[in-house]
Protein backbone atom coordinates (compact mmCIF):
# COMPACT_ATOMS: atom_id res chain seq x y z
CA MET A 1 3.76 -1.48 16.80
CA VAL A 2 5.62 0.94 19.53
CA ARG A 3 5.90 0.35 23.17
CA VAL A 4 5.29 4.07 24.98
CA ILE A 5 4.51 5.38 28.30
CA GLY A 6 2.61 9.05 29.24
CA ILE A 7 3.33 10.82 32.17
CA ASP A 8 1.13 12.73 33.70
CA PRO A 9 2.70 15.16 36.95
CA GLY A 10 -0.74 15.91 38.64
CA THR A 11 -0.92 17.58 42.00
CA LYS A 12 -2.11 14.41 43.84
CA SER A 13 -0.51 11.61 42.07
CA PHE A 14 1.78 10.84 38.95
CA ASP A 15 -0.25 8.83 36.59
CA LEU A 16 1.69 6.37 34.31
CA CYS A 17 -0.13 4.69 31.00
CA GLY A 18 1.54 2.36 29.04
CA LEU A 19 0.30 1.30 25.53
CA ASP A 20 1.76 -1.25 22.93
CA ASP A 21 -0.29 0.36 20.13
CA GLU A 22 -4.17 -0.02 21.53
CA LYS A 23 -3.27 -2.31 24.32
CA VAL A 24 -2.59 -0.97 27.88
CA ILE A 25 0.41 -2.18 29.40
CA LEU A 26 1.04 0.22 32.23
CA ASP A 27 -1.93 1.35 34.54
CA ILE A 28 -0.33 2.99 37.79
CA SER A 29 -1.14 6.08 39.59
CA ILE A 30 1.39 6.79 42.59
CA SER A 31 0.92 9.57 45.27
CA THR A 32 3.01 12.74 44.27
CA LYS A 33 4.31 12.62 47.81
CA GLU A 34 6.04 9.44 47.11
CA ILE A 35 7.93 10.87 43.97
CA VAL A 36 8.95 13.55 45.90
CA LYS A 37 10.39 11.19 48.47
CA ASP A 38 12.03 8.76 45.78
CA PRO A 39 12.68 10.53 42.40
CA GLU A 40 13.87 7.69 41.09
CA LEU A 41 10.79 6.14 41.25
CA LEU A 42 9.89 7.00 37.71
CA SER A 43 13.02 5.90 36.41
CA ASN A 44 12.75 2.47 37.88
CA ILE A 45 9.09 1.68 36.36
CA ILE A 46 10.12 3.07 32.86
CA THR A 47 13.23 0.87 32.68
CA GLU A 48 11.31 -2.32 34.13
CA THR A 49 8.50 -1.62 31.23
CA GLY A 50 10.83 -1.62 28.55
CA VAL A 51 9.40 1.03 26.36
CA ASP A 52 10.42 2.46 22.96
CA PHE A 53 8.88 6.34 23.85
CA VAL A 54 8.40 8.30 26.84
CA VAL A 55 6.30 11.89 27.29
CA GLY A 56 7.75 12.76 30.44
CA PRO A 57 6.21 15.44 33.24
CA SER A 58 6.40 18.65 31.08
CA GLY A 59 4.98 21.18 33.62
CA PHE A 60 4.06 24.65 31.31
CA GLY A 61 5.85 22.91 28.29
CA ILE A 62 8.60 23.82 25.89
CA PRO A 63 8.92 22.69 22.28
CA VAL A 64 9.31 18.81 21.81
CA THR A 65 12.90 18.20 23.22
CA ASN A 66 14.82 14.99 24.28
CA ILE A 67 15.94 14.72 27.59
CA ARG A 68 19.37 14.68 26.71
CA ASP A 69 19.13 18.26 25.88
CA ILE A 70 17.22 19.67 29.09
CA GLY A 71 19.50 21.81 30.95
CA GLU A 72 18.88 24.39 33.81
CA ARG A 73 17.32 26.91 31.19
CA GLU A 74 14.43 24.06 29.98
CA LEU A 75 14.07 23.17 33.70
CA PHE A 76 13.13 26.65 34.41
CA LEU A 77 10.80 27.14 31.52
CA MET A 78 8.77 23.68 32.52
CA THR A 79 8.45 24.46 36.13
CA LEU A 80 8.44 28.23 36.34
CA ILE A 81 10.15 28.00 39.60
CA LYS A 82 12.73 30.65 40.31
CA LYS A 83 16.44 30.18 41.48
CA GLU A 84 16.21 31.27 44.95
CA ASP A 85 12.75 29.06 45.30
CA THR A 86 14.94 25.61 46.06
CA LYS A 87 11.96 23.40 46.78
CA SER A 88 10.21 21.65 43.46
CA ILE A 89 6.65 21.61 44.61
CA LEU A 90 5.94 18.20 42.67
CA GLY A 91 9.61 16.65 42.53
CA LEU A 92 9.62 17.50 38.92
CA ARG A 93 13.39 18.46 38.59
CA ALA A 94 14.66 15.68 40.74
CA SER A 95 12.74 12.91 38.73
CA ILE A 96 13.85 14.79 35.61
CA ASN A 97 17.32 14.88 36.74
CA TRP A 98 17.27 10.74 37.51
CA MET A 99 15.63 10.10 33.76
CA LYS A 100 18.35 11.98 32.28
CA HIS A 101 20.94 10.08 34.36
CA ASN A 102 19.45 6.88 33.14
CA ARG A 103 19.76 7.94 29.67
CA LEU A 104 16.10 7.08 29.26
CA PRO A 105 14.03 7.74 25.93
CA VAL A 106 12.16 10.58 27.45
CA PHE A 107 11.07 13.38 25.49
CA PHE A 108 8.81 16.93 26.81
CA LEU A 109 6.08 18.42 25.17
CA PRO A 110 4.99 21.92 24.72
CA GLY A 111 1.89 23.47 26.56
CA VAL A 112 -0.87 25.33 24.55
CA ILE A 113 0.78 28.54 24.02
CA HIS A 114 3.49 27.11 22.05
CA LEU A 115 1.31 25.78 19.44
CA PRO A 116 1.12 27.69 15.88
CA THR A 117 -2.51 26.87 16.08
CA VAL A 118 -3.12 29.18 18.78
CA PRO A 119 -3.61 32.71 17.33
CA TYR A 120 -0.66 35.14 18.03
CA TYR A 121 -3.19 37.69 19.56
CA ARG A 122 -4.71 35.26 22.16
CA LYS A 123 -1.50 35.09 23.77
CA PHE A 124 -0.59 38.48 24.73
CA ASN A 125 0.18 38.92 28.69
CA ARG A 126 -0.45 34.88 29.04
CA ILE A 127 1.84 32.13 30.45
CA ASP A 128 -0.81 29.61 31.28
CA MET A 129 -3.14 28.88 28.43
CA GLY A 130 -2.89 25.05 29.31
CA THR A 131 0.11 23.20 30.65
CA ALA A 132 1.52 20.23 28.74
CA ASP A 133 -1.04 17.77 30.73
CA LYS A 134 -4.13 19.72 29.42
CA LEU A 135 -2.72 19.42 25.69
CA CYS A 136 -2.56 15.74 26.05
CA CYS A 137 -6.19 15.38 27.71
CA ALA A 138 -7.03 17.63 24.41
CA ALA A 139 -5.28 14.96 22.25
CA LEU A 140 -7.24 12.14 24.34
CA GLY A 141 -10.50 14.36 23.51
CA ILE A 142 -10.13 14.37 19.60
CA ARG A 143 -9.37 10.84 19.75
CA ASP A 144 -12.55 10.27 21.52
CA GLN A 145 -14.55 12.44 19.64
CA ALA A 146 -13.47 10.76 16.31
CA ILE A 147 -14.35 7.47 17.52
CA ARG A 148 -17.78 8.02 18.70
CA PHE A 149 -18.83 10.19 15.65
CA ASN A 150 -16.92 8.10 13.23
CA ILE A 151 -15.11 11.41 11.83
CA GLY A 152 -11.71 12.31 10.99
CA PHE A 153 -9.40 14.11 13.22
CA ARG A 154 -9.66 17.32 11.55
CA GLU A 155 -13.73 17.46 12.22
CA THR A 156 -13.33 17.53 15.48
CA SER A 157 -14.83 20.36 17.48
CA PHE A 158 -15.06 20.72 21.34
CA ILE A 159 -14.63 22.69 24.63
CA LEU A 160 -12.56 20.17 27.17
CA LEU A 161 -13.20 20.92 30.96
CA GLU A 162 -10.54 19.70 33.10
CA MET A 163 -11.65 19.74 36.51
CA GLY A 164 -8.01 18.65 38.25
CA PHE A 165 -7.54 18.12 41.75
CA GLY A 166 -5.29 21.33 42.05
CA TYR A 167 -7.15 23.23 38.93
CA THR A 168 -9.59 24.02 36.95
CA ALA A 169 -8.57 24.62 33.25
CA ALA A 170 -10.32 24.66 29.61
CA ILE A 171 -9.16 23.96 26.41
CA ALA A 172 -10.75 25.02 22.84
CA VAL A 173 -10.43 22.42 20.16
CA ASN A 174 -11.38 23.55 16.42
CA LYS A 175 -11.09 21.14 13.28
CA GLY A 176 -8.75 19.05 15.77
CA GLN A 177 -6.41 21.74 16.50
CA ILE A 178 -6.15 23.72 20.04
CA VAL A 179 -6.84 27.10 19.26
CA ASP A 180 -7.11 28.33 22.55
CA GLY A 181 -6.91 27.67 26.38
CA ILE A 182 -7.54 28.89 30.26
CA GLY A 183 -5.16 27.54 32.63
CA GLY A 184 -5.84 26.80 35.90
CA SER A 185 -3.85 29.34 37.25
CA VAL A 186 -5.58 32.23 34.75
CA GLY A 187 -9.17 31.07 34.91
CA ASN A 188 -11.86 30.55 37.85
CA ILE A 189 -11.15 28.92 41.36
CA GLY A 190 -10.03 25.32 41.28
CA PHE A 191 -10.31 22.84 43.99
CA LEU A 192 -7.01 23.59 45.61
CA SER A 193 -6.18 26.79 43.59
CA LEU A 194 -7.17 30.11 44.17
CA GLY A 195 -7.13 30.53 40.09
CA GLY A 196 -6.81 33.92 38.34
CA MET A 197 -5.55 36.23 40.84
CA ASP A 198 -6.92 39.67 41.33
CA SER A 199 -4.29 42.27 40.22
CA GLU A 200 -4.99 44.26 43.46
CA LEU A 201 -4.86 41.07 45.64
CA ALA A 202 -1.22 40.54 43.96
CA TYR A 203 -0.05 43.89 44.91
CA LEU A 204 -1.17 43.69 48.39
CA LEU A 205 0.38 40.44 49.00
CA GLY A 206 3.80 42.10 47.63
CA GLY A 207 5.73 39.01 46.58
CA PHE A 208 4.68 35.50 47.19
CA ASN A 209 6.41 32.15 46.65
CA LYS A 210 5.12 29.26 44.33
CA GLU A 211 3.23 27.27 46.83
CA LEU A 212 0.74 30.35 46.94
CA VAL A 213 -0.49 29.15 43.45
CA PHE A 214 -1.66 26.09 44.87
CA ARG A 215 -3.95 27.54 47.98
CA GLY A 216 -7.03 29.48 48.23
CA GLY A 217 -9.62 27.10 46.46
CA ILE A 218 -12.60 25.77 47.49
CA GLU A 219 -10.86 22.92 49.54
CA LYS A 220 -10.93 25.71 52.40
CA LEU A 221 -14.64 25.27 52.43
CA ALA A 222 -15.58 21.60 51.24
CA ARG A 223 -12.39 20.03 52.80
CA THR A 224 -12.51 16.91 50.76
CA PRO A 225 -13.65 16.48 47.14
CA ASP A 226 -16.20 13.70 48.37
CA LYS A 227 -17.89 16.81 50.68
CA LEU A 228 -17.93 19.00 47.81
CA MET A 229 -21.74 18.31 46.95
CA GLU A 230 -22.84 19.20 50.63
CA ASN A 231 -21.28 22.90 50.82
CA GLU A 232 -23.52 25.38 48.92
CA ASP A 233 -21.30 27.96 48.58
CA ALA A 234 -18.45 25.97 47.65
CA LEU A 235 -20.50 24.21 45.10
CA ASN A 236 -21.47 27.11 43.39
CA ALA A 237 -18.45 28.95 43.43
CA TYR A 238 -16.68 25.81 41.86
CA LEU A 239 -19.28 25.30 39.22
CA GLU A 240 -20.11 28.73 38.14
CA GLY A 241 -16.34 29.33 38.14
CA ALA A 242 -16.10 26.24 35.60
CA ILE A 243 -18.98 27.24 33.56
CA LYS A 244 -17.63 30.98 33.11
CA ASP A 245 -14.37 29.37 31.76
CA VAL A 246 -16.24 27.14 29.18
CA LEU A 247 -18.49 30.22 27.80
CA GLN A 248 -15.56 32.50 27.76
CA LEU A 249 -14.23 30.03 25.05
CA THR A 250 -17.20 29.88 23.04
CA ALA A 251 -15.94 33.27 21.70
CA SER A 252 -13.03 30.83 19.85
CA VAL A 253 -14.76 28.03 19.01
CA LYS A 254 -18.55 26.69 18.47
CA PRO A 255 -18.32 23.11 20.16
CA ARG A 256 -20.00 20.27 19.13
CA GLU A 257 -19.62 18.86 22.43
CA ILE A 258 -18.57 19.81 26.00
CA LEU A 259 -16.01 17.02 27.42
CA ILE A 260 -15.49 16.83 31.17
CA SER A 261 -12.46 15.28 32.43
CA GLY A 262 -10.15 15.21 35.43
CA ARG A 263 -10.24 13.99 39.15
CA ILE A 264 -13.09 15.97 40.48
CA SER A 265 -15.23 15.59 37.62
CA ARG A 266 -15.56 12.26 39.32
CA VAL A 267 -17.66 13.15 42.49
CA GLU A 268 -20.91 11.94 42.51
CA GLY A 269 -23.45 14.35 41.20
CA LEU A 270 -21.31 16.89 39.76
CA LEU A 271 -21.75 16.13 36.45
CA ASP A 272 -25.56 16.33 36.62
CA GLU A 273 -25.01 19.75 38.12
CA ILE A 274 -23.09 21.01 35.26
CA LYS A 275 -25.70 19.54 32.64
CA ARG A 276 -28.02 21.20 34.43
CA LYS A 277 -26.48 24.69 34.57
CA LEU A 278 -24.45 24.44 30.80
CA ASP A 279 -26.76 24.11 27.62
CA VAL A 280 -24.31 25.44 25.12
CA ALA A 281 -23.91 21.96 23.46
CA PRO A 282 -24.09 18.34 24.70
CA LEU A 283 -22.10 17.71 27.64
CA ARG A 284 -20.29 14.10 28.51
CA LYS A 285 -17.48 12.53 30.33
CA LEU A 286 -14.19 12.14 28.32
CA GLU A 287 -13.69 8.49 27.63
CA GLY A 288 -10.52 6.99 27.25
CA PHE A 289 -9.10 3.55 27.48
CA PRO A 290 -9.89 0.98 29.98
CA THR A 291 -7.96 1.68 32.65
CA LYS A 292 -8.54 1.48 36.14
CA ASN A 293 -5.88 3.91 37.73
CA VAL A 294 -4.75 6.61 35.31
CA LYS A 295 -6.60 9.88 34.74
CA GLU A 296 -6.94 10.99 31.12
CA ALA A 297 -3.86 13.24 30.75
CA ALA A 298 -1.55 10.30 31.10
CA GLN A 299 -4.04 8.49 28.74
CA GLY A 300 -3.67 11.19 26.27
CA ALA A 301 0.08 11.53 26.98
CA ALA A 302 0.25 7.99 26.01
CA ILE A 303 -1.39 8.35 22.38
CA VAL A 304 1.04 11.65 21.94
CA ALA A 305 4.12 9.33 22.63
CA ASN A 306 2.57 6.93 20.13
CA GLY A 307 2.28 9.58 17.32
CA LEU A 308 5.70 11.09 17.97
CA ALA A 309 7.55 7.86 17.95
CA GLY A 310 5.85 7.08 14.66
CA GLY A 311 2.94 4.79 16.07
CA SER A 312 -0.78 4.69 14.90
CA TYR A 313 -1.24 8.46 16.13
CA SER A 314 0.95 9.77 13.83
CA GLU A 315 -1.63 11.68 11.92
CA LEU A 316 -3.10 13.01 15.03
CA ILE A 317 0.39 14.77 15.90
CA GLY A 318 0.30 15.90 12.53
CA VAL A 319 -2.86 17.37 12.76
CA MET A 320 -2.54 19.25 15.88
CA LYS A 321 1.01 20.49 14.66
CA ILE A 322 2.75 19.58 18.13
CA ARG A 323 5.92 19.14 16.29
CA GLU A 324 5.99 22.50 15.07
CA ALA A 325 5.54 24.19 18.30
CA LYS A 326 8.12 27.20 19.21
CA GLY A 327 9.28 29.56 21.67
CA THR A 328 8.84 30.10 25.37
CA SER A 329 5.52 30.61 27.80
CA LEU A 330 7.44 33.94 28.39
CA ASP A 331 7.23 35.54 24.75
CA TYR A 332 4.33 37.45 24.88
CA ILE A 333 3.89 39.51 28.11
CA LEU A 334 3.68 42.96 27.31
CA LEU A 335 5.71 44.12 29.99
CA PRO A 336 9.44 45.32 30.15
CA GLU A 337 9.92 44.04 33.67
CA ILE A 338 10.02 40.31 32.22
CA GLU A 339 13.07 40.97 30.29
CA ALA A 340 15.45 40.93 33.39
CA LEU A 341 14.14 37.33 34.04
CA LYS A 342 14.62 36.14 31.08
CA LYS A 343 17.93 37.63 30.55
CA ASP A 344 18.97 35.75 33.99
CA TYR A 345 17.86 32.44 32.54
CA MET A 346 19.33 32.93 29.09
CA ILE A 347 15.79 32.83 27.67
């Protein structure tokens, strides 16, 4: 039996889920603003919980890496925040530096694009096929469907629609492996994020800072999640965009189910609206552990931590081929202009 923690660095909150095998030992959600204000807070919680293995806030992801091996190159690849942009939006860098300083048993995970289970040709000109937390949601989904249908991990097949406070993303799983993904900065409009940017808009904007990626979503119309159902234009834009993401992934997998997760999916009535509009497969909410505070990504991170630490989910890690992840999220861009940036960060 191993004691582990999974961390989900969300746009609105950092969620920490602790497991001792199947028993939940930590169920904490902390405001992202509080983490930015006190980056040592994560370190203190990990130390107090006394765990063997932690999946840290991995952002865009890197191959499985011990925190002692994290340097400027790895921090850049996880955050994709350039040197001249000194502000870390989620306080990610500062928190990682504190955990490294305290020599905690923290490891970082790949994103979807790093996995060998995703065909090479699907990665062309993509960076965000799903961040590390989306990989963790998919891991929880594999566990969920295997339990629900009493089948092996390799028999699972679904499309996961993650409706986060910041982004909307979708992940395709076939035979227990992630085979495709649409990241939140690539797909359709999210609650906070504008989603994939029109190339002509990008040209007209010229240069822009990282914070723009978190703006332009339907929040401008609905204001708050609980008002989403009251604004017809916001609701239609959001739902139709999410459904298009799911339908796009049906080109890559024939799903047994559509699983829904994320903070916005909790809005009353929203799930019924999606069911009414999307009929490619049975649709339901992703279930997980009996937690009160943490969302699905943190739970998924905890079971990945368990598997990587040699616990009961070791088989799941093997099926997903998480240890075999390699490369960087910048390896598949078919533009020579990216080479200068890679050279600058010794990539």
